[in-house]
N, C-alpha and C. Protein backbone atom coordinates (compact mmCIF):
# COMPACT_ATOMS: atom_id res chain seq x y z
N UNK A 1 -16.28 18.52 -8.12
CA UNK A 1 -15.09 19.33 -7.75
C UNK A 1 -14.69 18.99 -6.42
N UNK A 2 -13.12 18.71 -6.12
CA UNK A 2 -12.51 18.17 -4.95
C UNK A 2 -12.43 19.21 -3.97
N UNK A 3 -12.85 20.43 -4.41
CA UNK A 3 -12.49 21.66 -3.29
C UNK A 3 -11.09 22.08 -3.11
N UNK A 4 -10.26 21.08 -3.65
CA UNK A 4 -8.84 21.06 -3.28
C UNK A 4 -7.88 21.47 -4.70
N UNK A 5 -7.17 21.71 -4.80
CA UNK A 5 -6.16 22.42 -5.57
C UNK A 5 -4.64 21.28 -5.41
N UNK A 6 -4.76 20.35 -4.39
CA UNK A 6 -3.58 19.79 -4.10
C UNK A 6 -3.39 18.48 -4.70
N UNK A 7 -2.20 17.65 -5.16
CA UNK A 7 -2.31 16.46 -5.93
C UNK A 7 -2.82 15.22 -5.07
N UNK A 8 -3.75 15.01 -5.81
CA UNK A 8 -4.19 13.47 -4.99
C UNK A 8 -3.40 12.22 -5.31
N UNK A 9 -3.00 11.33 -4.52
CA UNK A 9 -2.39 10.13 -4.99
C UNK A 9 -2.97 9.10 -5.04
N UNK A 10 -3.74 8.86 -4.29
CA UNK A 10 -4.73 7.56 -3.98
C UNK A 10 -6.12 7.40 -3.54
N UNK A 11 -6.98 6.53 -3.91
CA UNK A 11 -8.34 6.79 -3.60
C UNK A 11 -9.08 5.10 -3.43
N UNK A 12 -9.64 4.84 -2.67
CA UNK A 12 -10.24 3.48 -2.11
C UNK A 12 -12.30 4.56 -2.42
N UNK A 13 -12.94 2.91 -2.68
CA UNK A 13 -13.97 3.19 -2.40
C UNK A 13 -14.75 2.16 -1.49
N UNK A 14 -15.74 2.20 -0.57
CA UNK A 14 -16.32 0.87 -0.10
C UNK A 14 -17.80 0.52 -0.77
N UNK A 15 -18.39 1.42 -1.81
CA UNK A 15 -19.59 1.43 -1.94
C UNK A 15 -19.53 2.35 -3.38
N UNK A 16 -20.76 2.75 -4.21
CA UNK A 16 -20.68 3.52 -5.17
C UNK A 16 -21.05 5.16 -4.39
N UNK A 17 -21.16 5.14 -3.51
CA UNK A 17 -21.51 6.44 -3.02
C UNK A 17 -20.39 6.67 -1.87
N UNK A 18 -19.29 5.63 -1.61
CA UNK A 18 -18.48 6.38 -0.28
C UNK A 18 -17.34 5.80 -0.77
N UNK A 19 -16.59 6.90 -0.66
CA UNK A 19 -14.83 7.05 -1.03
C UNK A 19 -14.10 8.16 -0.03
N UNK A 20 -12.89 7.74 -0.13
CA UNK A 20 -11.85 8.64 0.36
C UNK A 20 -10.67 8.74 -0.76
N UNK A 21 -10.00 9.85 -0.57
CA UNK A 21 -8.94 9.95 -1.29
C UNK A 21 -8.19 10.94 -0.55
N UNK A 22 -6.67 10.54 -0.69
CA UNK A 22 -5.16 11.38 0.28
C UNK A 22 -4.19 11.67 -0.85
N UNK A 23 -3.71 12.74 -0.65
CA UNK A 23 -2.76 13.62 -1.27
C UNK A 23 -1.76 14.09 -0.37
N UNK A 24 -0.99 15.43 -1.17
CA UNK A 24 -0.24 16.17 -0.79
C UNK A 24 -0.92 17.25 0.24
N UNK A 25 0.26 17.51 1.34
CA UNK A 25 0.00 17.99 2.61
C UNK A 25 -1.11 17.51 3.59
N UNK A 26 -0.84 16.21 3.55
CA UNK A 26 -1.50 15.65 4.50
C UNK A 26 -2.85 15.65 4.10
N UNK A 27 -3.89 15.85 3.04
CA UNK A 27 -5.11 16.19 2.69
C UNK A 27 -5.73 15.02 2.37
N UNK A 28 -6.84 14.78 3.03
CA UNK A 28 -7.92 13.42 3.13
C UNK A 28 -9.35 14.05 2.95
N UNK A 29 -9.66 13.62 1.71
CA UNK A 29 -11.07 13.88 1.47
C UNK A 29 -12.15 12.72 1.66
N UNK A 30 -13.03 13.00 1.68
CA UNK A 30 -14.28 11.79 1.80
C UNK A 30 -15.40 12.49 1.06
N UNK A 31 -16.31 11.52 0.60
CA UNK A 31 -17.60 11.53 0.01
C UNK A 31 -18.46 10.77 0.25
N UNK A 32 -19.76 10.96 0.33
CA UNK A 32 -20.83 10.04 0.57
C UNK A 32 -21.76 10.32 -0.37
N UNK A 33 -21.67 11.19 -1.32
CA UNK A 33 -22.45 11.14 -2.66
C UNK A 33 -22.20 10.69 -3.87
N UNK A 34 -20.97 9.82 -3.95
CA UNK A 34 -20.90 9.26 -5.08
C UNK A 34 -20.02 10.38 -6.19
N UNK A 35 -19.55 11.47 -5.13
CA UNK A 35 -18.21 12.40 -5.47
C UNK A 35 -18.99 13.50 -6.18
N UNK A 36 -20.31 13.69 -5.91
CA UNK A 36 -20.51 15.10 -6.29
C UNK A 36 -20.11 16.11 -5.11
N UNK A 37 -19.59 15.74 -3.99
CA UNK A 37 -19.08 16.46 -2.89
C UNK A 37 -18.58 15.93 -2.46
N UNK A 38 -17.26 16.66 -2.06
CA UNK A 38 -15.85 16.17 -1.55
C UNK A 38 -15.73 16.93 -0.10
N UNK A 39 -15.63 16.30 1.22
CA UNK A 39 -15.35 16.90 2.27
C UNK A 39 -13.82 16.59 3.08
N UNK A 40 -13.31 17.66 3.32
CA UNK A 40 -12.12 17.52 3.98
C UNK A 40 -12.35 16.71 5.40
N UNK A 41 -11.74 15.97 6.06
CA UNK A 41 -11.35 15.20 6.93
C UNK A 41 -9.73 15.46 7.67
N UNK A 42 -10.23 15.94 8.92
CA UNK A 42 -8.91 16.16 9.67
C UNK A 42 -8.03 15.42 9.81
N UNK A 43 -6.85 16.19 9.45
CA UNK A 43 -5.86 14.96 9.03
C UNK A 43 -4.74 14.77 10.20
N UNK A 44 -3.79 13.84 10.23
CA UNK A 44 -2.73 13.88 11.49
C UNK A 44 -1.27 14.18 10.98
N UNK A 45 -1.32 14.63 9.76
CA UNK A 45 -0.32 15.19 9.10
C UNK A 45 -0.16 16.27 8.19
N UNK A 46 0.64 17.27 8.03
CA UNK A 46 0.59 18.09 7.03
C UNK A 46 1.69 17.67 5.90
N UNK A 47 2.49 16.16 6.09
CA UNK A 47 3.14 15.89 4.98
C UNK A 47 2.54 15.08 3.60
N UNK A 48 2.83 14.45 2.90
CA UNK A 48 2.11 13.88 1.63
C UNK A 48 1.93 12.50 2.25
N UNK A 49 0.16 12.07 1.66
CA UNK A 49 -0.37 11.09 1.72
C UNK A 49 0.06 10.21 0.66
N UNK A 50 0.43 8.77 0.15
CA UNK A 50 0.52 8.22 -0.86
C UNK A 50 -0.36 7.14 -1.24
N UNK A 51 -0.97 6.85 0.00
CA UNK A 51 -2.15 5.45 0.11
C UNK A 51 -2.69 5.22 1.30
N UNK A 52 -4.01 4.76 0.91
CA UNK A 52 -5.04 4.35 2.00
C UNK A 52 -5.41 3.25 1.63
N UNK A 53 -6.07 2.70 2.44
CA UNK A 53 -6.66 1.15 2.45
C UNK A 53 -7.73 1.64 3.93
N UNK A 54 -8.48 -0.15 3.57
CA UNK A 54 -9.06 0.43 4.93
C UNK A 54 -9.92 -1.31 5.21
N UNK A 55 -10.68 -1.54 6.29
CA UNK A 55 -11.14 -2.72 6.71
C UNK A 55 -12.37 -2.95 6.99
N UNK A 56 -13.42 -3.38 6.94
CA UNK A 56 -14.63 -3.07 7.29
C UNK A 56 -14.87 -4.28 8.27
N UNK A 57 -15.50 -3.80 9.54
CA UNK A 57 -15.80 -4.53 10.56
C UNK A 57 -17.65 -4.85 10.66
N UNK A 58 -18.06 -5.97 10.80
CA UNK A 58 -19.27 -6.11 10.44
C UNK A 58 -19.66 -6.15 11.77
N UNK A 59 -21.24 -5.37 12.06
CA UNK A 59 -21.48 -5.83 13.38
C UNK A 59 -22.86 -6.43 13.39
N UNK A 60 -23.78 -6.12 14.36
CA UNK A 60 -24.71 -7.12 14.36
C UNK A 60 -25.85 -6.11 13.61
N UNK A 61 -26.74 -7.29 12.50
CA UNK A 61 -27.69 -6.62 11.48
C UNK A 61 -26.70 -6.08 10.56
N UNK A 62 -27.12 -5.21 9.89
CA UNK A 62 -26.65 -4.15 9.40
C UNK A 62 -25.29 -3.32 9.22
N UNK A 63 -25.44 -3.13 10.80
CA UNK A 63 -24.33 -2.42 11.28
C UNK A 63 -22.55 -2.80 11.12
N UNK A 64 -22.02 -1.77 10.55
CA UNK A 64 -20.62 -1.80 10.62
C UNK A 64 -19.44 -0.62 10.82
N UNK A 65 -18.75 -0.77 10.96
CA UNK A 65 -17.14 0.06 11.27
C UNK A 65 -16.13 0.24 10.57
N UNK A 66 -15.49 1.05 10.18
CA UNK A 66 -14.58 1.04 9.59
C UNK A 66 -13.05 1.47 9.85
N UNK A 67 -12.11 0.37 9.58
CA UNK A 67 -10.79 0.98 10.14
C UNK A 67 -10.07 1.41 8.84
N UNK A 68 -9.26 2.42 9.05
CA UNK A 68 -8.92 3.46 8.16
C UNK A 68 -7.40 3.40 8.41
N UNK A 69 -6.40 3.41 7.27
CA UNK A 69 -5.07 3.47 7.45
C UNK A 69 -4.65 4.66 6.36
N UNK A 70 -3.69 5.49 5.94
CA UNK A 70 -3.10 5.94 5.13
C UNK A 70 -1.50 6.63 5.49
N UNK A 71 -0.67 6.10 4.62
CA UNK A 71 0.63 6.07 5.00
C UNK A 71 1.41 7.30 3.69
N UNK A 72 2.32 7.91 3.77
CA UNK A 72 3.11 8.73 3.15
C UNK A 72 4.94 8.95 3.52
N UNK A 73 4.78 10.39 3.53
CA UNK A 73 6.43 10.63 3.58
C UNK A 73 6.81 10.91 5.12
N UNK A 74 8.04 10.78 4.74
CA UNK A 74 9.03 10.64 6.32
C UNK A 74 8.14 10.03 7.29
N UNK A 75 7.83 8.49 6.60
CA UNK A 75 7.18 7.54 7.71
C UNK A 75 5.95 8.18 8.20
N UNK A 76 5.26 8.74 7.60
CA UNK A 76 3.50 9.03 7.94
C UNK A 76 2.74 7.91 8.00
N UNK A 77 2.38 7.26 9.23
CA UNK A 77 1.32 6.15 9.11
C UNK A 77 0.18 6.75 9.99
N UNK A 78 -0.86 6.74 9.51
CA UNK A 78 -2.13 7.61 10.34
C UNK A 78 -3.27 6.40 9.81
N UNK A 79 -4.12 6.60 11.18
CA UNK A 79 -5.14 5.81 11.52
C UNK A 79 -6.35 6.20 12.06
N UNK A 80 -7.49 5.52 11.40
CA UNK A 80 -8.51 5.84 11.85
C UNK A 80 -9.67 4.66 12.23
N UNK A 81 -10.45 4.89 13.49
CA UNK A 81 -11.24 3.85 13.84
C UNK A 81 -12.45 4.18 13.96
N UNK A 82 -12.88 5.44 13.12
CA UNK A 82 -13.98 5.58 13.02
C UNK A 82 -14.83 6.20 11.76
N UNK A 83 -13.84 5.38 10.69
CA UNK A 83 -14.51 5.83 9.39
C UNK A 83 -13.87 7.18 9.22
N UNK A 84 -12.82 7.46 9.66
CA UNK A 84 -12.11 8.65 9.21
C UNK A 84 -13.12 10.13 9.81
N UNK A 85 -13.29 9.96 10.82
CA UNK A 85 -14.25 11.40 11.54
C UNK A 85 -12.83 11.71 12.27
N UNK A 86 -11.79 11.18 12.75
CA UNK A 86 -11.01 11.54 13.71
C UNK A 86 -9.84 10.34 13.17
N UNK A 87 -8.37 11.22 13.07
CA UNK A 87 -7.26 10.80 12.47
C UNK A 87 -6.11 10.42 13.49
N UNK A 88 -5.56 9.21 13.73
CA UNK A 88 -4.65 9.42 14.44
C UNK A 88 -2.94 9.05 13.89
N UNK A 89 -2.42 10.01 14.23
CA UNK A 89 -1.01 9.50 14.08
C UNK A 89 -0.10 8.56 14.52
N UNK A 90 0.38 7.57 13.57
CA UNK A 90 1.45 6.41 14.36
C UNK A 90 2.33 6.99 15.83
N UNK A 91 2.81 6.57 16.87
CA UNK A 91 3.13 7.42 17.79
C UNK A 91 4.72 6.97 16.99
N UNK A 92 5.74 8.13 17.69
CA UNK A 92 7.10 8.08 17.32
C UNK A 92 8.01 6.82 17.72
N UNK A 93 8.35 6.04 17.40
CA UNK A 93 9.15 5.08 17.62
C UNK A 93 8.71 3.43 17.06
N UNK A 94 7.26 3.94 16.80
CA UNK A 94 6.66 2.52 16.15
C UNK A 94 6.75 2.16 14.76
N UNK A 95 7.27 2.99 14.04
CA UNK A 95 7.61 2.95 12.61
C UNK A 95 8.97 3.66 12.06
N UNK A 96 10.01 2.63 11.70
CA UNK A 96 11.41 2.89 11.82
C UNK A 96 11.62 4.71 10.92
N UNK A 97 12.49 5.05 11.11
CA UNK A 97 12.72 6.15 10.39
C UNK A 97 13.45 6.44 9.20
N UNK A 98 13.45 7.16 8.41
CA UNK A 98 13.65 7.38 6.92
C UNK A 98 13.18 6.68 6.17
N UNK A 99 11.61 6.40 6.58
CA UNK A 99 10.59 5.67 5.45
C UNK A 99 10.08 6.75 4.71
N UNK A 100 9.93 6.55 3.55
CA UNK A 100 9.10 7.04 2.80
C UNK A 100 7.95 6.26 1.91
N UNK A 101 6.72 6.02 2.35
CA UNK A 101 5.71 5.18 2.39
C UNK A 101 5.21 5.42 0.97
N UNK A 102 4.81 4.30 -0.03
CA UNK A 102 4.76 4.04 -1.25
C UNK A 102 3.37 3.54 -1.50
N UNK A 103 3.41 2.31 -0.54
CA UNK A 103 2.41 1.66 -1.04
C UNK A 103 1.71 0.75 0.26
N UNK A 104 0.40 0.35 0.24
CA UNK A 104 -0.13 0.03 1.84
C UNK A 104 -0.86 -1.12 1.37
N UNK A 105 -1.03 -2.53 2.19
CA UNK A 105 -2.37 -3.06 1.78
C UNK A 105 -2.47 -3.86 3.38
N UNK A 106 -3.76 -3.84 3.74
CA UNK A 106 -3.90 -4.63 4.84
C UNK A 106 -4.74 -6.08 4.79
N UNK A 107 -4.56 -6.65 5.64
CA UNK A 107 -5.08 -8.24 5.06
C UNK A 107 -6.12 -7.88 5.77
N UNK A 108 -6.31 -7.53 7.31
CA UNK A 108 -6.99 -7.29 8.54
C UNK A 108 -7.02 -6.24 9.33
N UNK A 109 -7.77 -6.14 10.22
CA UNK A 109 -7.50 -5.01 11.19
C UNK A 109 -5.97 -4.86 11.92
N UNK A 110 -5.44 -6.16 11.86
CA UNK A 110 -4.10 -6.09 12.78
C UNK A 110 -2.96 -6.61 11.99
N UNK A 111 -3.45 -7.02 10.40
CA UNK A 111 -1.92 -7.30 10.14
C UNK A 111 -2.05 -6.84 8.56
N UNK A 112 -1.18 -6.12 8.17
CA UNK A 112 -0.80 -5.15 7.26
C UNK A 112 0.37 -4.96 6.68
N UNK A 113 0.88 -4.47 5.57
CA UNK A 113 2.16 -4.65 5.14
C UNK A 113 2.11 -2.97 4.18
N UNK A 114 3.50 -1.87 4.58
CA UNK A 114 3.83 -0.83 3.63
C UNK A 114 4.47 -0.87 3.27
N UNK A 115 5.47 -0.07 1.95
CA UNK A 115 6.40 -0.81 1.25
C UNK A 115 6.76 1.08 1.14
N UNK A 116 8.21 0.97 0.51
CA UNK A 116 8.60 2.64 0.05
C UNK A 116 10.03 2.69 -0.01
N UNK A 117 10.37 3.64 0.28
CA UNK A 117 11.99 3.88 -0.30
C UNK A 117 13.24 3.41 0.74
N UNK A 118 14.31 3.35 0.17
CA UNK A 118 15.09 2.67 1.01
C UNK A 118 15.15 1.14 1.38
N UNK A 119 14.36 0.55 0.18
CA UNK A 119 14.36 -0.77 0.61
C UNK A 119 13.09 -1.66 1.65
N UNK A 120 12.30 -0.53 2.11
CA UNK A 120 11.38 -0.92 3.48
C UNK A 120 10.36 -1.55 2.75
N UNK A 121 10.28 -2.71 3.38
CA UNK A 121 8.83 -3.37 3.47
C UNK A 121 8.73 -3.48 4.95
N UNK A 122 7.64 -2.85 5.41
CA UNK A 122 7.02 -2.92 6.87
C UNK A 122 5.89 -3.66 7.36
N UNK A 123 6.11 -4.35 8.28
CA UNK A 123 4.96 -5.51 8.56
C UNK A 123 4.29 -4.87 9.78
N UNK A 124 2.97 -5.36 10.45
CA UNK A 124 2.40 -5.26 11.40
C UNK A 124 1.49 -6.78 11.17
N UNK A 125 1.64 -7.03 13.03
CA UNK A 125 0.53 -8.04 13.01
C UNK A 125 -0.43 -7.77 14.12
N UNK A 126 -0.36 -6.29 14.88
CA UNK A 126 -1.51 -6.08 15.46
C UNK A 126 -1.73 -4.54 15.33
N UNK A 127 -1.47 -4.21 13.97
CA UNK A 127 -2.07 -2.87 13.59
C UNK A 127 -1.55 -1.58 14.05
N UNK A 128 -0.46 -1.60 14.94
CA UNK A 128 0.29 -0.83 15.61
C UNK A 128 1.49 -0.40 15.61
N UNK A 129 2.43 -1.60 16.17
CA UNK A 129 3.54 -1.72 15.61
C UNK A 129 4.00 -2.23 14.49
N UNK A 130 5.43 -1.61 13.80
CA UNK A 130 5.33 -1.81 12.62
C UNK A 130 7.17 -2.20 12.38
N UNK A 131 7.47 -3.50 12.12
CA UNK A 131 8.76 -3.73 12.00
C UNK A 131 9.11 -4.17 10.41
N UNK A 132 10.74 -3.90 9.98
CA UNK A 132 11.14 -4.05 9.29
C UNK A 132 11.18 -6.05 8.76
N UNK A 133 10.56 -5.97 7.22
CA UNK A 133 10.97 -7.56 6.96
C UNK A 133 12.12 -7.20 6.05
N UNK A 134 12.90 -8.32 6.15
CA UNK A 134 14.17 -8.82 5.23
C UNK A 134 14.01 -9.12 3.71
N UNK A 135 13.82 -8.13 2.77
CA UNK A 135 13.39 -8.95 1.71
C UNK A 135 14.35 -9.12 0.28
N UNK A 136 15.97 -8.39 0.93
CA UNK A 136 16.91 -8.34 0.16
C UNK A 136 17.16 -7.53 -0.99
N UNK A 137 16.11 -6.51 -0.79
CA UNK A 137 16.30 -5.42 -1.86
C UNK A 137 17.63 -4.71 -1.23
N UNK A 138 18.13 -3.74 -1.93
CA UNK A 138 19.28 -2.90 -1.31
C UNK A 138 19.01 -1.83 -1.08
N UNK A 139 19.55 -1.26 0.25
CA UNK A 139 19.20 -0.25 0.91
C UNK A 139 18.80 1.01 0.41
N UNK A 140 19.45 1.02 -0.79
CA UNK A 140 19.14 2.33 -1.48
C UNK A 140 17.83 2.39 -2.91
N UNK A 141 17.50 0.71 -2.94
CA UNK A 141 16.49 0.47 -4.15
C UNK A 141 15.02 0.78 -3.44
N UNK A 142 13.95 1.21 -3.86
CA UNK A 142 12.82 1.62 -3.68
C UNK A 142 12.06 0.72 -4.02
N UNK A 143 11.02 0.01 -3.18
CA UNK A 143 9.89 -0.86 -3.40
C UNK A 143 8.33 0.02 -3.69
N UNK A 144 8.13 0.07 -4.68
CA UNK A 144 7.33 1.13 -5.04
C UNK A 144 5.89 0.22 -4.88
N UNK A 145 5.79 -1.11 -5.08
CA UNK A 145 4.09 -1.65 -4.92
C UNK A 145 4.17 -2.77 -4.65
N UNK A 146 3.35 -3.29 -3.98
CA UNK A 146 3.11 -4.97 -3.43
C UNK A 146 1.69 -5.11 -3.44
N UNK A 147 1.80 -6.44 -3.33
CA UNK A 147 0.18 -7.50 -3.85
C UNK A 147 0.39 -8.69 -2.95
N UNK A 148 -0.72 -8.85 -2.33
CA UNK A 148 -0.67 -10.27 -1.38
C UNK A 148 -1.93 -10.98 -1.37
N UNK A 149 -1.71 -12.34 -2.05
CA UNK A 149 -2.59 -13.26 -2.18
C UNK A 149 -3.06 -14.06 -0.82
N UNK A 150 -3.94 -14.81 -0.35
CA UNK A 150 -4.19 -15.50 0.80
C UNK A 150 -3.31 -14.50 1.88
N UNK A 151 -2.68 -15.37 2.87
CA UNK A 151 -2.00 -14.70 3.68
C UNK A 151 -0.40 -14.63 3.68
N UNK A 152 -0.08 -15.57 2.70
CA UNK A 152 1.31 -15.91 2.64
C UNK A 152 2.29 -15.56 1.91
N UNK A 153 1.24 -15.27 0.22
CA UNK A 153 1.96 -14.80 -0.77
C UNK A 153 2.22 -13.57 -1.16
N UNK A 154 3.02 -13.10 -1.50
CA UNK A 154 3.26 -11.45 -1.54
C UNK A 154 4.40 -11.35 -2.33
N UNK A 155 4.16 -10.61 -3.36
CA UNK A 155 4.88 -10.07 -4.14
C UNK A 155 5.59 -8.56 -3.97
N UNK A 156 6.57 -8.09 -4.45
CA UNK A 156 7.16 -7.01 -4.42
C UNK A 156 7.57 -6.38 -5.50
N UNK A 157 7.56 -4.74 -5.81
CA UNK A 157 8.26 -4.62 -7.02
C UNK A 157 9.02 -3.19 -6.77
N UNK A 158 9.74 -2.82 -7.47
CA UNK A 158 10.29 -1.48 -7.52
C UNK A 158 11.61 -1.33 -8.40
N UNK A 159 12.39 -0.48 -7.65
CA UNK A 159 13.74 0.03 -8.53
C UNK A 159 14.26 -1.25 -9.44
N UNK A 160 15.11 -0.89 -10.54
CA UNK A 160 16.28 -2.04 -11.17
C UNK A 160 14.90 -3.00 -11.63
N UNK A 161 14.03 -2.80 -11.93
CA UNK A 161 12.86 -3.89 -12.54
C UNK A 161 13.02 -5.01 -11.75
N UNK A 162 12.85 -4.66 -10.50
CA UNK A 162 12.83 -5.83 -9.61
C UNK A 162 11.45 -6.70 -9.13
N UNK A 163 11.18 -7.88 -9.07
CA UNK A 163 10.47 -8.28 -8.72
C UNK A 163 10.80 -9.38 -8.11
N UNK A 164 10.03 -9.67 -6.18
CA UNK A 164 10.47 -10.67 -5.59
C UNK A 164 9.44 -11.17 -4.95
N UNK A 165 9.45 -12.40 -4.60
CA UNK A 165 8.11 -13.00 -4.20
C UNK A 165 8.58 -14.17 -2.88
N UNK A 166 7.85 -13.99 -1.76
CA UNK A 166 7.77 -14.99 -0.81
C UNK A 166 6.41 -15.80 -0.62
N UNK A 167 6.97 -16.99 -0.70
CA UNK A 167 5.43 -17.93 -0.28
C UNK A 167 5.18 -18.36 1.33
N UNK A 168 5.77 -17.41 2.14
CA UNK A 168 5.75 -18.09 3.72
C UNK A 168 5.30 -16.89 4.16
N UNK A 169 4.97 -15.74 3.87
CA UNK A 169 4.51 -14.50 4.61
C UNK A 169 5.50 -13.69 4.70
N UNK A 170 6.64 -13.70 4.24
CA UNK A 170 7.91 -12.56 3.96
C UNK A 170 8.58 -12.36 4.98
N UNK A 171 8.69 -12.68 5.79
CA UNK A 171 9.23 -12.00 7.25
C UNK A 171 10.72 -12.45 7.45
N UNK A 172 11.33 -13.67 6.46
CA UNK A 172 12.43 -14.55 7.00
C UNK A 172 13.31 -13.62 4.99
N UNK A 173 14.40 -13.41 5.60
CA UNK A 173 15.35 -13.38 4.39
C UNK A 173 15.48 -13.93 3.54
N UNK A 174 15.70 -15.48 3.56
CA UNK A 174 15.87 -16.63 2.94
C UNK A 174 14.42 -17.13 2.08
N UNK A 175 13.75 -16.45 2.18
CA UNK A 175 12.51 -16.86 1.79
C UNK A 175 12.17 -16.25 0.99
N UNK A 176 12.78 -14.98 0.30
CA UNK A 176 12.09 -13.94 -0.72
C UNK A 176 12.88 -14.83 -2.22
N UNK A 177 12.67 -14.79 -3.15
CA UNK A 177 13.11 -14.84 -3.96
C UNK A 177 12.85 -14.09 -5.61
N UNK A 178 14.17 -13.45 -6.12
CA UNK A 178 14.12 -12.87 -7.09
C UNK A 178 13.65 -13.52 -8.51
N UNK A 179 12.56 -12.59 -8.95
CA UNK A 179 11.52 -13.09 -10.06
C UNK A 179 11.99 -12.52 -11.49
N UNK A 180 12.28 -11.31 -11.24
CA UNK A 180 12.69 -10.88 -12.30
C UNK A 180 13.71 -9.55 -12.21
N UNK A 181 14.49 -8.96 -13.05
CA UNK A 181 15.37 -7.88 -12.88
C UNK A 181 15.58 -7.25 -13.58
N UNK A 182 15.28 -6.08 -14.26
CA UNK A 182 15.64 -5.31 -15.44
C UNK A 182 16.36 -3.92 -14.87
N UNK A 183 17.41 -4.01 -14.97
CA UNK A 183 18.25 -2.55 -14.06
C UNK A 183 17.90 -1.49 -14.90
N UNK A 184 17.67 -1.24 -16.03
CA UNK A 184 17.05 0.12 -16.87
C UNK A 184 15.58 0.47 -16.51
N UNK A 185 14.70 -0.26 -15.87
CA UNK A 185 13.55 0.19 -15.60
C UNK A 185 13.04 -0.07 -14.47
N UNK A 186 12.33 0.85 -14.04
CA UNK A 186 11.34 1.07 -12.59
C UNK A 186 10.06 0.49 -12.89
N UNK A 187 9.81 -0.45 -12.02
CA UNK A 187 8.33 -1.28 -12.14
C UNK A 187 7.74 -0.37 -10.58
N UNK A 188 6.15 0.11 -10.80
CA UNK A 188 5.63 0.97 -9.95
C UNK A 188 4.28 -0.01 -9.51
N UNK A 189 4.03 -0.83 -10.17
CA UNK A 189 2.94 -1.65 -9.79
C UNK A 189 2.47 -3.05 -9.83
N UNK A 190 2.06 -3.27 -8.80
CA UNK A 190 1.64 -5.02 -9.12
C UNK A 190 0.58 -5.32 -8.67
N UNK A 191 -0.26 -6.57 -9.27
CA UNK A 191 -1.18 -6.90 -9.03
C UNK A 191 -1.31 -8.68 -9.22
N UNK A 192 -1.46 -9.35 -7.98
CA UNK A 192 -1.98 -10.73 -8.58
C UNK A 192 -3.35 -11.25 -8.36
N UNK A 193 -3.82 -11.36 -9.72
CA UNK A 193 -5.54 -12.17 -9.28
C UNK A 193 -5.55 -13.67 -8.30
N UNK A 194 -4.66 -14.15 -8.50
CA UNK A 194 -4.45 -15.53 -7.72
C UNK A 194 -3.09 -15.60 -7.46
N UNK A 195 -2.77 -17.02 -6.83
CA UNK A 195 -1.17 -17.47 -6.69
C UNK A 195 -0.89 -17.61 -8.06
N UNK A 196 -1.45 -17.74 -9.42
CA UNK A 196 -0.49 -17.88 -10.81
C UNK A 196 -0.66 -16.74 -11.68
N UNK A 197 -1.67 -16.08 -11.65
CA UNK A 197 -1.93 -15.07 -12.45
C UNK A 197 -1.85 -13.45 -12.03
N UNK A 198 -1.15 -12.86 -12.68
CA UNK A 198 -0.97 -11.13 -12.37
C UNK A 198 -0.20 -10.42 -13.64
N UNK A 199 -0.09 -9.07 -12.93
CA UNK A 199 0.56 -8.49 -13.69
C UNK A 199 1.74 -6.98 -12.75
N UNK A 200 2.40 -6.67 -13.62
CA UNK A 200 3.28 -5.61 -12.95
C UNK A 200 3.83 -4.46 -14.09
N UNK A 201 3.85 -3.66 -13.65
CA UNK A 201 3.35 -2.29 -14.34
C UNK A 201 4.89 -1.44 -13.96
N UNK A 202 5.20 -0.48 -14.77
CA UNK A 202 6.33 0.60 -14.65
C UNK A 202 6.39 1.87 -15.84
N UNK A 203 7.90 1.75 -16.09
CA UNK A 203 8.11 2.90 -16.64
C UNK A 203 8.34 2.74 -18.08
N UNK A 204 7.78 3.52 -19.28
CA UNK A 204 8.32 3.57 -20.16
C UNK A 204 7.06 2.79 -20.95
N UNK A 205 5.82 2.57 -20.53
CA UNK A 205 4.92 1.67 -20.57
C UNK A 205 5.04 0.13 -20.45
N UNK A 206 6.11 -0.13 -19.48
CA UNK A 206 6.10 -1.33 -19.47
C UNK A 206 5.09 -2.54 -18.79
N UNK A 207 4.71 -3.15 -19.34
CA UNK A 207 3.56 -4.43 -18.51
C UNK A 207 4.22 -5.85 -18.76
N UNK A 208 4.02 -5.94 -17.49
CA UNK A 208 4.55 -7.80 -17.32
C UNK A 208 3.05 -9.03 -17.36
N UNK A 209 3.47 -9.87 -17.47
CA UNK A 209 2.59 -10.78 -17.54
C UNK A 209 3.06 -11.95 -17.13
N UNK A 210 2.47 -12.77 -16.03
CA UNK A 210 2.79 -14.19 -15.45
C UNK A 210 1.60 -14.97 -15.51
N UNK A 211 1.80 -16.01 -15.57
CA UNK A 211 0.77 -17.03 -15.70
C UNK A 211 1.02 -18.41 -14.53
N UNK A 212 2.59 -18.02 -13.87
CA UNK A 212 2.84 -19.25 -13.08
C UNK A 212 3.27 -19.07 -12.02
N UNK A 213 2.54 -17.64 -11.33
CA UNK A 213 3.36 -17.55 -10.18
C UNK A 213 4.27 -16.81 -10.45
N UNK A 214 4.94 -16.08 -11.61
CA UNK A 214 6.18 -15.51 -11.40
C UNK A 214 7.45 -15.94 -11.64
N UNK A 215 7.55 -17.25 -12.18
CA UNK A 215 8.61 -17.97 -12.20
C UNK A 215 8.82 -17.32 -13.68
N UNK A 216 8.19 -16.96 -14.33
CA UNK A 216 8.55 -16.16 -15.62
C UNK A 216 7.61 -15.43 -16.00
N UNK A 217 7.76 -13.91 -16.73
CA UNK A 217 7.17 -12.88 -16.69
C UNK A 217 7.66 -12.34 -18.31
N UNK A 218 6.63 -12.08 -18.67
CA UNK A 218 6.89 -11.49 -20.29
C UNK A 218 6.17 -10.16 -20.63
N UNK A 219 6.57 -9.64 -21.44
CA UNK A 219 6.58 -8.16 -21.66
C UNK A 219 4.82 -8.59 -22.88
N UNK A 220 4.04 -7.41 -22.40
CA UNK A 220 2.92 -7.64 -23.23
C UNK A 220 2.83 -5.79 -23.84
N UNK A 221 2.31 -5.81 -24.91
CA UNK A 221 2.61 -4.74 -26.06
C UNK A 221 1.56 -3.44 -25.45
C-alpha cells in the first residue's frame, strides 16, 4: 500500500529494496523495503511531478550518496542532494517559464535534459541553470519523451508523430534532423539501446522500431 490516493506518474529504483515514486500534488514517496511500506518525503512543490531521475555518487569504500531530480507542471524542477531527505526547488529564473515537463534524463550530476510542452527541450551543464535547446519542434508541439546514448546522440518524440535526432549534443538547431512524422499520431516514449537499435511508442498501440539509428522506423504489430 502506497499510503496515498493521488495518481503516481513515475518511479525509479536503485536496488531491489530502494525506490522513489512521484506524482500529483507534488507527491514524493520512498521505500527501503522493496515496497512493503512507502514513506512520504518532504516535497518542494504542490504541483504535479511527472518524472524522476537519480545519479549515484560513489565515495570511499562502500559509501555513496544520491543526487535526485524531479520535474513536473508549471516548470517545477526539484533537486535533492541527500537521497531525498530534503528537496529544493530550482530558483525562479533558472527554468524558462511556461514549461510543463514530461520527461527527464540526467547523464551525471551536472549534465541533463528535460522535455515538455510548447516544444520545450531544456539542457543543463551545471545541474542548476537550464536553457532551451533549439530542436525545430513547433512552439505548440509537445515533446513527451527523450533518450540519450553516450553524451551526444539524443532522440526526442512528441506530437504529430515526430521523431528528431541530434548526433552532436543537440544544442544547435541545424543539427536536429526529423526522422519520422505522422500527423495523426502522438508518440509518448522512446528508448535507444545503442546508436542503432531502439523503439518508440505512442497512441493507438503504436510501436515503431529501428535498427539503423532512426534512418528508418518500421511499425510493429
